[in-house]
Protein backbone atom coordinates (compact mmCIF):
# COMPACT_ATOMS: atom_id res chain seq x y z
CA GLN A 1 7.69 15.52 44.74
CA ARG A 2 9.44 11.97 43.71
CA ILE A 3 12.45 11.52 43.37
CA THR A 4 14.15 11.14 39.95
CA SER A 5 17.26 10.18 40.67
CA VAL A 6 19.36 8.77 43.98
CA ASP A 7 21.18 12.26 43.60
CA ASP A 8 17.97 14.66 44.98
CA PHE A 9 17.16 11.96 47.87
CA ARG A 10 17.72 13.16 51.18
CA SER A 11 16.47 11.56 54.75
CA SER A 12 14.34 12.51 57.14
CA THR A 13 14.28 12.80 60.70
CA LYS A 14 11.70 10.61 60.89
CA ILE A 15 12.41 8.09 58.13
CA GLU A 16 16.55 7.26 60.32
CA GLY A 17 14.32 7.11 63.03
CA LEU A 18 12.22 4.49 61.44
CA MET A 19 15.21 2.88 60.62
CA GLU A 20 16.49 2.86 64.76
CA GLU A 21 13.93 1.30 64.81
CA LEU A 22 14.43 -1.19 62.63
CA GLU A 23 17.10 -2.15 64.22
CA LEU A 24 16.50 -2.29 66.93
CA LEU A 25 13.02 -4.75 65.86
CA HIS A 26 15.97 -7.64 64.27
CA GLU A 27 18.29 -7.75 67.02
CA GLU A 28 15.58 -8.39 69.27
CA ASP A 29 14.11 -10.80 66.55
CA PRO A 30 16.38 -11.47 63.11
CA SER A 31 13.45 -12.87 61.60
CA ALA A 32 11.13 -10.46 62.57
CA LYS A 33 8.97 -8.16 59.76
CA GLY A 34 7.58 -4.88 60.11
CA ILE A 35 4.45 -2.45 58.08
CA VAL A 36 4.98 0.80 57.70
CA PHE A 37 1.33 2.35 57.14
CA SER A 38 2.15 6.56 55.00
CA GLN A 39 -1.33 8.03 53.75
CA PHE A 40 1.86 9.81 51.60
CA VAL A 41 2.86 7.60 48.88
CA SER A 42 5.82 9.80 48.41
CA MET A 43 6.45 9.51 52.01
CA LEU A 44 6.07 5.65 51.11
CA ASP A 45 8.90 5.64 48.55
CA LEU A 46 11.32 8.22 50.02
CA ILE A 47 10.67 4.99 53.23
CA GLU A 48 11.50 2.03 50.30
CA HIS A 49 14.23 3.52 49.10
CA ARG A 50 15.99 4.99 51.60
CA LEU A 51 15.47 1.07 53.55
CA LYS A 52 16.66 -0.82 49.97
CA LEU A 53 19.93 1.95 50.69
CA ALA A 54 20.41 -0.63 53.98
CA GLY A 55 20.06 -3.63 52.32
CA ILE A 56 16.63 -3.49 53.65
CA ARG A 57 13.66 -5.94 50.73
CA ALA A 58 11.18 -3.69 51.27
CA VAL A 59 7.61 -5.10 50.06
CA LYS A 60 4.87 -1.78 49.26
CA LEU A 61 1.07 -1.37 48.96
CA ASP A 62 -0.84 1.82 47.86
CA GLY A 63 -4.25 2.32 46.26
CA ARG A 64 -3.14 1.53 41.84
CA MET A 65 -2.34 -1.51 42.07
CA SER A 66 -4.52 -3.16 40.97
CA PHE A 67 -5.55 -6.19 42.97
CA ASP A 68 -4.47 -9.41 41.61
CA ASN A 69 -0.94 -7.57 42.56
CA ARG A 70 -1.81 -6.29 45.68
CA ASP A 71 -2.54 -9.80 47.11
CA ARG A 72 0.76 -11.29 45.53
CA PHE A 73 2.73 -8.85 47.62
CA ILE A 74 0.71 -9.08 50.23
CA SER A 75 1.62 -13.51 49.85
CA SER A 76 5.42 -12.06 49.26
CA PHE A 77 5.22 -10.38 53.00
CA CYS A 78 3.55 -13.57 54.32
CA ASP A 79 5.48 -16.64 52.69
CA ASP A 80 9.41 -14.52 53.07
CA GLU A 81 10.96 -16.10 55.38
């Protein structure tokens, strides 16, 4: 189920575990980037929302995107410093 409002968002143990790992990664190398895979778009939506709440920039790709949008987002991910 898609979140329709920030008020509906509830984090999970998995998401908070990811946040801890990203924090450790950032402590080791502030320029490091990470990639998260999920077969569930709704999970990616929740992760993206939690990252934004933490002030972490996220790029999300899913199968609904056009090739041009995917290419642009991948370039943004690769080129962003």
